[in-house]
Amino acid sequence: MQRSLSYQNPLTPYFYGVLFLLYTALSGIHLFLPPLFAILYFYFSKALKNEDSIALFLLIFCLILFEAANGYVLFSAIIYFFLLHRYIVPKIMQSFSCAACIRFIVALLVYLGFFLFYSLLSSVFMFPSPHINSYVFYYIAIEFLILSVL
């Protein structure tokens, strides 16, 4: 495929989006595969920092797919990611200088914070309350290892 000289953005976000679609189908069947929620936050934050609207649109689509696959309310993960990116992560980055510590805390906040955020939404809007299981800690550990590589 030939590309224009004026448009030099890589095609990797599209490739990752297609891979995520396939991976979501597999992670719904096999529980040992993490849902890559922290990885989605990492790329969501990166797209907001770089002001990459195409990658952001693709990530929002992936988040909507994640919400649909797990039975969450529409746009709840997007709102939580935006609040996390805007208000919580900058405070964490000011407080810690260890990059590995920041990644671990972010992976922890993405899962446990979303559980608390969704619990708050469920109590306010009378949704069914979410349940947390032991797989979440496995997912946090696996995604922290993946975030360490990125």
N, C-alpha and C. Protein backbone atom coordinates (compact mmCIF):
# COMPACT_ATOMS: atom_id res chain seq x y z
N MET A 1 0.84 -1.16 0.00
CA MET A 1 0.00 0.00 0.00
C MET A 1 0.90 1.24 0.00
N GLN A 2 0.64 2.16 -0.87
CA GLN A 2 1.44 3.36 -0.96
C GLN A 2 0.76 4.48 -0.17
N ARG A 3 1.58 5.26 0.53
CA ARG A 3 1.02 6.31 1.39
C ARG A 3 1.52 7.66 0.93
N SER A 4 0.77 8.67 1.28
CA SER A 4 1.12 10.03 0.94
C SER A 4 2.26 10.53 1.82
N LEU A 5 3.08 11.41 1.30
CA LEU A 5 4.17 11.97 2.08
C LEU A 5 3.68 12.89 3.18
N SER A 6 2.53 13.51 3.00
CA SER A 6 2.02 14.44 4.00
C SER A 6 1.34 13.72 5.16
N TYR A 7 0.95 12.49 4.99
CA TYR A 7 0.26 11.73 6.04
C TYR A 7 1.17 10.59 6.46
N GLN A 8 1.94 10.80 7.52
CA GLN A 8 2.94 9.84 7.93
C GLN A 8 2.57 9.07 9.20
N ASN A 9 1.33 9.14 9.67
CA ASN A 9 0.94 8.38 10.85
C ASN A 9 0.96 6.89 10.55
N PRO A 10 1.45 6.08 11.48
CA PRO A 10 1.52 4.64 11.22
C PRO A 10 0.14 3.99 11.23
N LEU A 11 0.07 2.83 10.64
CA LEU A 11 -1.19 2.09 10.56
C LEU A 11 -1.36 1.12 11.72
N THR A 12 -0.46 1.14 12.69
CA THR A 12 -0.52 0.17 13.79
C THR A 12 -1.78 0.30 14.65
N PRO A 13 -2.37 1.49 14.91
CA PRO A 13 -3.61 1.50 15.70
C PRO A 13 -4.73 0.70 15.06
N TYR A 14 -4.82 0.73 13.74
CA TYR A 14 -5.86 -0.03 13.05
C TYR A 14 -5.61 -1.54 13.20
N PHE A 15 -4.34 -1.92 13.09
CA PHE A 15 -3.98 -3.32 13.25
C PHE A 15 -4.29 -3.80 14.66
N TYR A 16 -3.96 -2.99 15.65
CA TYR A 16 -4.25 -3.35 17.04
C TYR A 16 -5.75 -3.40 17.30
N GLY A 17 -6.51 -2.55 16.64
CA GLY A 17 -7.96 -2.56 16.80
C GLY A 17 -8.57 -3.84 16.26
N VAL A 18 -8.10 -4.30 15.13
CA VAL A 18 -8.60 -5.55 14.55
C VAL A 18 -8.19 -6.73 15.43
N LEU A 19 -6.96 -6.71 15.94
CA LEU A 19 -6.52 -7.77 16.84
C LEU A 19 -7.33 -7.78 18.12
N PHE A 20 -7.69 -6.60 18.62
CA PHE A 20 -8.48 -6.53 19.84
C PHE A 20 -9.88 -7.13 19.63
N LEU A 21 -10.45 -6.93 18.46
CA LEU A 21 -11.75 -7.53 18.17
C LEU A 21 -11.68 -9.05 18.24
N LEU A 22 -10.64 -9.60 17.66
CA LEU A 22 -10.48 -11.05 17.71
C LEU A 22 -10.17 -11.53 19.12
N TYR A 23 -9.35 -10.76 19.84
CA TYR A 23 -8.96 -11.15 21.19
C TYR A 23 -10.16 -11.08 22.15
N THR A 24 -11.04 -10.12 21.97
CA THR A 24 -12.22 -10.01 22.83
C THR A 24 -13.10 -11.25 22.70
N ALA A 25 -13.23 -11.74 21.49
CA ALA A 25 -14.00 -12.96 21.30
C ALA A 25 -13.36 -14.14 22.03
N LEU A 26 -12.05 -14.24 21.97
CA LEU A 26 -11.35 -15.33 22.66
C LEU A 26 -11.38 -15.17 24.17
N SER A 27 -11.24 -13.93 24.67
CA SER A 27 -11.22 -13.74 26.12
C SER A 27 -12.60 -13.94 26.73
N GLY A 28 -13.64 -13.83 25.94
CA GLY A 28 -14.97 -14.13 26.45
C GLY A 28 -15.18 -15.63 26.65
N ILE A 29 -14.47 -16.41 25.88
CA ILE A 29 -14.59 -17.86 25.99
C ILE A 29 -13.64 -18.41 27.06
N HIS A 30 -12.39 -17.97 27.02
CA HIS A 30 -11.36 -18.47 27.93
C HIS A 30 -11.10 -17.44 29.03
N LEU A 31 -11.38 -17.78 30.26
CA LEU A 31 -11.24 -16.82 31.36
C LEU A 31 -9.79 -16.55 31.75
N PHE A 32 -8.86 -17.37 31.34
CA PHE A 32 -7.47 -17.12 31.68
C PHE A 32 -6.85 -16.01 30.83
N LEU A 33 -7.52 -15.60 29.76
CA LEU A 33 -7.06 -14.48 28.95
C LEU A 33 -7.59 -13.18 29.54
N PRO A 34 -6.71 -12.25 29.92
CA PRO A 34 -7.19 -10.99 30.50
C PRO A 34 -7.90 -10.15 29.45
N PRO A 35 -8.83 -9.29 29.88
CA PRO A 35 -9.58 -8.49 28.91
C PRO A 35 -8.81 -7.28 28.37
N LEU A 36 -7.58 -7.07 28.80
CA LEU A 36 -6.71 -5.98 28.34
C LEU A 36 -7.29 -4.60 28.62
N PHE A 37 -7.93 -4.46 29.76
CA PHE A 37 -8.54 -3.19 30.14
C PHE A 37 -7.49 -2.14 30.45
N ALA A 38 -6.42 -2.51 31.14
CA ALA A 38 -5.34 -1.57 31.45
C ALA A 38 -4.57 -1.18 30.20
N ILE A 39 -4.45 -2.09 29.26
CA ILE A 39 -3.77 -1.78 28.00
C ILE A 39 -4.61 -0.78 27.21
N LEU A 40 -5.92 -0.95 27.24
CA LEU A 40 -6.79 0.02 26.57
C LEU A 40 -6.65 1.40 27.20
N TYR A 41 -6.51 1.44 28.54
CA TYR A 41 -6.31 2.74 29.18
C TYR A 41 -4.98 3.35 28.75
N PHE A 42 -3.94 2.54 28.67
CA PHE A 42 -2.63 3.05 28.26
C PHE A 42 -2.71 3.70 26.89
N TYR A 43 -3.34 3.02 25.94
CA TYR A 43 -3.45 3.59 24.60
C TYR A 43 -4.46 4.75 24.54
N PHE A 44 -5.47 4.71 25.39
CA PHE A 44 -6.41 5.83 25.48
C PHE A 44 -5.69 7.08 25.96
N SER A 45 -4.88 6.93 26.99
CA SER A 45 -4.12 8.05 27.53
C SER A 45 -3.10 8.56 26.51
N LYS A 46 -2.47 7.64 25.81
CA LYS A 46 -1.49 8.02 24.79
C LYS A 46 -2.16 8.77 23.64
N ALA A 47 -3.34 8.34 23.23
CA ALA A 47 -4.07 9.01 22.14
C ALA A 47 -4.52 10.40 22.57
N LEU A 48 -4.92 10.56 23.83
CA LEU A 48 -5.30 11.89 24.30
C LEU A 48 -4.10 12.83 24.37
N LYS A 49 -2.95 12.31 24.81
CA LYS A 49 -1.75 13.14 24.88
C LYS A 49 -1.28 13.57 23.50
N ASN A 50 -1.34 12.64 22.53
CA ASN A 50 -0.87 12.94 21.17
C ASN A 50 -1.94 13.60 20.32
N GLU A 51 -3.15 13.74 20.87
CA GLU A 51 -4.28 14.32 20.15
C GLU A 51 -4.54 13.59 18.82
N ASP A 52 -4.47 12.29 18.87
CA ASP A 52 -4.71 11.44 17.70
C ASP A 52 -6.18 11.03 17.69
N SER A 53 -6.96 11.73 16.91
CA SER A 53 -8.41 11.51 16.94
C SER A 53 -8.81 10.18 16.32
N ILE A 54 -8.08 9.71 15.34
CA ILE A 54 -8.43 8.44 14.71
C ILE A 54 -8.18 7.29 15.67
N ALA A 55 -7.04 7.30 16.35
CA ALA A 55 -6.75 6.26 17.34
C ALA A 55 -7.72 6.34 18.51
N LEU A 56 -8.09 7.55 18.90
CA LEU A 56 -9.04 7.73 19.99
C LEU A 56 -10.42 7.17 19.62
N PHE A 57 -10.85 7.41 18.40
CA PHE A 57 -12.12 6.88 17.93
C PHE A 57 -12.09 5.35 17.93
N LEU A 58 -10.98 4.78 17.48
CA LEU A 58 -10.84 3.33 17.47
C LEU A 58 -10.84 2.76 18.89
N LEU A 59 -10.19 3.45 19.82
CA LEU A 59 -10.16 3.00 21.21
C LEU A 59 -11.54 3.11 21.86
N ILE A 60 -12.28 4.15 21.52
CA ILE A 60 -13.64 4.28 22.04
C ILE A 60 -14.50 3.13 21.52
N PHE A 61 -14.32 2.77 20.27
CA PHE A 61 -15.04 1.62 19.73
C PHE A 61 -14.65 0.34 20.47
N CYS A 62 -13.36 0.16 20.75
CA CYS A 62 -12.91 -1.02 21.50
C CYS A 62 -13.47 -1.01 22.92
N LEU A 63 -13.57 0.16 23.54
CA LEU A 63 -14.14 0.24 24.88
C LEU A 63 -15.63 -0.08 24.88
N ILE A 64 -16.33 0.36 23.85
CA ILE A 64 -17.75 0.02 23.74
C ILE A 64 -17.92 -1.48 23.55
N LEU A 65 -17.03 -2.08 22.78
CA LEU A 65 -17.06 -3.53 22.61
C LEU A 65 -16.75 -4.23 23.94
N PHE A 66 -15.81 -3.70 24.70
CA PHE A 66 -15.49 -4.27 26.01
C PHE A 66 -16.71 -4.18 26.95
N GLU A 67 -17.37 -3.04 26.94
CA GLU A 67 -18.55 -2.86 27.79
C GLU A 67 -19.67 -3.82 27.39
N ALA A 68 -19.87 -3.99 26.10
CA ALA A 68 -20.92 -4.89 25.62
C ALA A 68 -20.61 -6.35 25.96
N ALA A 69 -19.34 -6.73 25.85
CA ALA A 69 -18.95 -8.12 26.12
C ALA A 69 -19.08 -8.45 27.61
N ASN A 70 -18.88 -7.46 28.48
CA ASN A 70 -18.91 -7.71 29.92
C ASN A 70 -20.20 -7.25 30.59
N GLY A 71 -21.12 -6.69 29.84
CA GLY A 71 -22.42 -6.32 30.39
C GLY A 71 -22.42 -5.02 31.18
N TYR A 72 -21.53 -4.11 30.87
CA TYR A 72 -21.50 -2.82 31.55
C TYR A 72 -22.38 -1.82 30.80
N VAL A 73 -22.69 -0.72 31.46
CA VAL A 73 -23.50 0.33 30.86
C VAL A 73 -22.67 1.07 29.80
N LEU A 74 -23.33 1.47 28.74
CA LEU A 74 -22.68 2.15 27.63
C LEU A 74 -21.99 3.43 28.10
N PHE A 75 -20.78 3.64 27.68
CA PHE A 75 -19.93 4.80 27.94
C PHE A 75 -19.42 4.89 29.38
N SER A 76 -19.66 3.91 30.22
CA SER A 76 -19.17 3.99 31.60
C SER A 76 -17.65 3.88 31.64
N ALA A 77 -17.06 3.01 30.85
CA ALA A 77 -15.60 2.86 30.84
C ALA A 77 -14.94 4.08 30.22
N ILE A 78 -15.56 4.67 29.22
CA ILE A 78 -15.00 5.86 28.58
C ILE A 78 -14.98 7.02 29.55
N ILE A 79 -16.08 7.21 30.27
CA ILE A 79 -16.14 8.28 31.28
C ILE A 79 -15.12 8.03 32.37
N TYR A 80 -15.01 6.78 32.83
CA TYR A 80 -14.03 6.47 33.87
C TYR A 80 -12.60 6.70 33.38
N PHE A 81 -12.29 6.30 32.17
CA PHE A 81 -10.94 6.51 31.63
C PHE A 81 -10.62 7.99 31.52
N PHE A 82 -11.60 8.78 31.09
CA PHE A 82 -11.35 10.21 30.98
C PHE A 82 -11.11 10.82 32.36
N LEU A 83 -11.91 10.44 33.35
CA LEU A 83 -11.71 10.95 34.72
C LEU A 83 -10.37 10.50 35.29
N LEU A 84 -10.01 9.26 35.02
CA LEU A 84 -8.73 8.74 35.49
C LEU A 84 -7.58 9.48 34.84
N HIS A 85 -7.66 9.71 33.55
CA HIS A 85 -6.60 10.41 32.82
C HIS A 85 -6.49 11.87 33.23
N ARG A 86 -7.60 12.48 33.46
CA ARG A 86 -7.62 13.92 33.73
C ARG A 86 -7.29 14.27 35.17
N TYR A 87 -7.78 13.49 36.14
CA TYR A 87 -7.67 13.90 37.53
C TYR A 87 -6.78 13.02 38.40
N ILE A 88 -6.79 11.74 38.20
CA ILE A 88 -6.11 10.85 39.15
C ILE A 88 -4.67 10.56 38.75
N VAL A 89 -4.43 10.19 37.50
CA VAL A 89 -3.09 9.81 37.07
C VAL A 89 -2.09 10.97 37.16
N PRO A 90 -2.46 12.21 36.85
CA PRO A 90 -1.47 13.29 37.05
C PRO A 90 -1.02 13.44 38.50
N LYS A 91 -1.91 13.21 39.44
CA LYS A 91 -1.53 13.27 40.86
C LYS A 91 -0.59 12.12 41.22
N ILE A 92 -0.83 10.97 40.65
CA ILE A 92 0.05 9.82 40.90
C ILE A 92 1.43 10.08 40.29
N MET A 93 1.46 10.65 39.11
CA MET A 93 2.74 10.93 38.46
C MET A 93 3.53 11.99 39.20
N GLN A 94 2.85 12.91 39.87
CA GLN A 94 3.54 13.89 40.71
C GLN A 94 4.09 13.26 41.97
N SER A 95 3.39 12.28 42.50
CA SER A 95 3.77 11.70 43.78
C SER A 95 4.88 10.66 43.67
N PHE A 96 4.93 9.93 42.57
CA PHE A 96 5.90 8.84 42.42
C PHE A 96 6.85 9.14 41.27
N SER A 97 8.09 8.71 41.43
CA SER A 97 9.05 8.88 40.35
C SER A 97 9.43 7.54 39.72
N CYS A 98 9.04 6.45 40.34
CA CYS A 98 9.33 5.10 39.85
C CYS A 98 8.34 4.75 38.74
N ALA A 99 8.84 4.51 37.54
CA ALA A 99 7.96 4.22 36.40
C ALA A 99 7.22 2.89 36.59
N ALA A 100 7.88 1.90 37.14
CA ALA A 100 7.23 0.61 37.36
C ALA A 100 6.14 0.73 38.42
N CYS A 101 6.39 1.56 39.44
CA CYS A 101 5.37 1.77 40.47
C CYS A 101 4.14 2.46 39.90
N ILE A 102 4.36 3.42 39.03
CA ILE A 102 3.25 4.14 38.40
C ILE A 102 2.43 3.19 37.54
N ARG A 103 3.11 2.34 36.79
CA ARG A 103 2.39 1.39 35.93
C ARG A 103 1.58 0.39 36.76
N PHE A 104 2.15 -0.06 37.87
CA PHE A 104 1.42 -0.99 38.71
C PHE A 104 0.20 -0.32 39.34
N ILE A 105 0.37 0.90 39.82
CA ILE A 105 -0.75 1.62 40.43
C ILE A 105 -1.82 1.91 39.39
N VAL A 106 -1.42 2.25 38.18
CA VAL A 106 -2.40 2.52 37.12
C VAL A 106 -3.15 1.24 36.77
N ALA A 107 -2.45 0.12 36.65
CA ALA A 107 -3.14 -1.15 36.36
C ALA A 107 -4.10 -1.51 37.49
N LEU A 108 -3.69 -1.25 38.72
CA LEU A 108 -4.55 -1.51 39.87
C LEU A 108 -5.77 -0.59 39.86
N LEU A 109 -5.54 0.69 39.56
CA LEU A 109 -6.63 1.66 39.53
C LEU A 109 -7.61 1.41 38.38
N VAL A 110 -7.10 0.93 37.28
CA VAL A 110 -7.98 0.68 36.14
C VAL A 110 -9.02 -0.38 36.50
N TYR A 111 -8.57 -1.44 37.13
CA TYR A 111 -9.52 -2.51 37.46
C TYR A 111 -10.31 -2.22 38.73
N LEU A 112 -9.62 -1.98 39.83
CA LEU A 112 -10.32 -1.77 41.09
C LEU A 112 -11.07 -0.44 41.12
N GLY A 113 -10.49 0.58 40.50
CA GLY A 113 -11.15 1.87 40.43
C GLY A 113 -12.41 1.81 39.58
N PHE A 114 -12.34 1.07 38.47
CA PHE A 114 -13.55 0.92 37.65
C PHE A 114 -14.62 0.15 38.41
N PHE A 115 -14.22 -0.84 39.21
CA PHE A 115 -15.18 -1.56 40.03
C PHE A 115 -15.86 -0.61 41.01
N LEU A 116 -15.08 0.26 41.66
CA LEU A 116 -15.67 1.24 42.59
C LEU A 116 -16.53 2.26 41.86
N PHE A 117 -16.07 2.71 40.70
CA PHE A 117 -16.83 3.67 39.91
C PHE A 117 -18.15 3.06 39.45
N TYR A 118 -18.11 1.82 38.99
CA TYR A 118 -19.34 1.16 38.54
C TYR A 118 -20.25 0.84 39.72
N SER A 119 -19.67 0.57 40.89
CA SER A 119 -20.49 0.37 42.09
C SER A 119 -21.22 1.65 42.46
N LEU A 120 -20.52 2.78 42.33
CA LEU A 120 -21.16 4.08 42.58
C LEU A 120 -22.28 4.33 41.58
N LEU A 121 -22.01 4.06 40.31
CA LEU A 121 -23.06 4.23 39.29
C LEU A 121 -24.25 3.31 39.57
N SER A 122 -23.97 2.09 39.98
CA SER A 122 -25.07 1.15 40.22
C SER A 122 -25.90 1.54 41.42
N SER A 123 -25.27 2.16 42.42
CA SER A 123 -26.07 2.59 43.58
C SER A 123 -26.87 3.86 43.28
N VAL A 124 -26.34 4.73 42.44
CA VAL A 124 -27.04 5.96 42.11
C VAL A 124 -28.18 5.70 41.13
N PHE A 125 -27.90 4.92 40.08
CA PHE A 125 -28.89 4.70 39.03
C PHE A 125 -29.61 3.36 39.13
N MET A 126 -29.42 2.66 40.24
CA MET A 126 -30.08 1.38 40.52
C MET A 126 -29.83 0.31 39.46
N PHE A 127 -28.58 0.21 39.01
CA PHE A 127 -28.16 -0.89 38.15
C PHE A 127 -27.88 -2.09 39.03
N PRO A 128 -27.77 -3.26 38.45
CA PRO A 128 -27.30 -4.40 39.24
C PRO A 128 -25.85 -4.16 39.67
N SER A 129 -25.56 -4.42 40.92
CA SER A 129 -24.21 -4.14 41.42
C SER A 129 -23.21 -5.13 40.85
N PRO A 130 -22.01 -4.67 40.55
CA PRO A 130 -20.99 -5.56 39.97
C PRO A 130 -20.40 -6.48 41.03
N HIS A 131 -19.87 -7.57 40.58
CA HIS A 131 -19.22 -8.52 41.47
C HIS A 131 -17.76 -8.65 41.05
N ILE A 132 -16.89 -8.74 42.02
CA ILE A 132 -15.47 -8.89 41.74
C ILE A 132 -15.09 -10.33 42.07
N ASN A 133 -14.25 -10.92 41.24
CA ASN A 133 -13.81 -12.29 41.49
C ASN A 133 -12.29 -12.33 41.56
N SER A 134 -11.76 -13.49 41.82
CA SER A 134 -10.31 -13.63 42.02
C SER A 134 -9.52 -13.48 40.72
N TYR A 135 -10.18 -13.60 39.58
CA TYR A 135 -9.48 -13.43 38.31
C TYR A 135 -8.95 -12.01 38.13
N VAL A 136 -9.55 -11.05 38.79
CA VAL A 136 -9.16 -9.65 38.62
C VAL A 136 -7.71 -9.44 39.04
N PHE A 137 -7.28 -10.08 40.10
CA PHE A 137 -5.90 -9.92 40.55
C PHE A 137 -4.93 -10.59 39.58
N TYR A 138 -5.33 -11.67 38.99
CA TYR A 138 -4.55 -12.31 37.93
C TYR A 138 -4.45 -11.39 36.73
N TYR A 139 -5.56 -10.76 36.35
CA TYR A 139 -5.56 -9.83 35.22
C TYR A 139 -4.66 -8.63 35.49
N ILE A 140 -4.68 -8.11 36.72
CA ILE A 140 -3.83 -6.98 37.08
C ILE A 140 -2.37 -7.36 36.94
N ALA A 141 -2.00 -8.53 37.42
CA ALA A 141 -0.60 -8.97 37.34
C ALA A 141 -0.17 -9.16 35.89
N ILE A 142 -0.99 -9.80 35.09
CA ILE A 142 -0.63 -10.04 33.68
C ILE A 142 -0.53 -8.72 32.92
N GLU A 143 -1.48 -7.84 33.14
CA GLU A 143 -1.45 -6.58 32.39
C GLU A 143 -0.36 -5.64 32.89
N PHE A 144 0.03 -5.76 34.15
CA PHE A 144 1.19 -5.00 34.61
C PHE A 144 2.44 -5.47 33.89
N LEU A 145 2.58 -6.77 33.70
CA LEU A 145 3.74 -7.29 32.96
C LEU A 145 3.73 -6.81 31.50
N ILE A 146 2.54 -6.77 30.90
CA ILE A 146 2.44 -6.28 29.53
C ILE A 146 2.76 -4.79 29.47
N LEU A 147 2.26 -4.02 30.46
CA LEU A 147 2.54 -2.58 30.50
C LEU A 147 4.02 -2.31 30.73
N SER A 148 4.71 -3.20 31.43
CA SER A 148 6.14 -3.01 31.66
C SER A 148 6.92 -3.09 30.34
N VAL A 149 6.41 -3.89 29.42
CA VAL A 149 7.08 -4.04 28.14
C VAL A 149 6.79 -2.84 27.23
N LEU A 150 5.59 -2.30 27.32
CA LEU A 150 5.22 -1.17 26.45
C LEU A 150 5.94 0.04 26.84
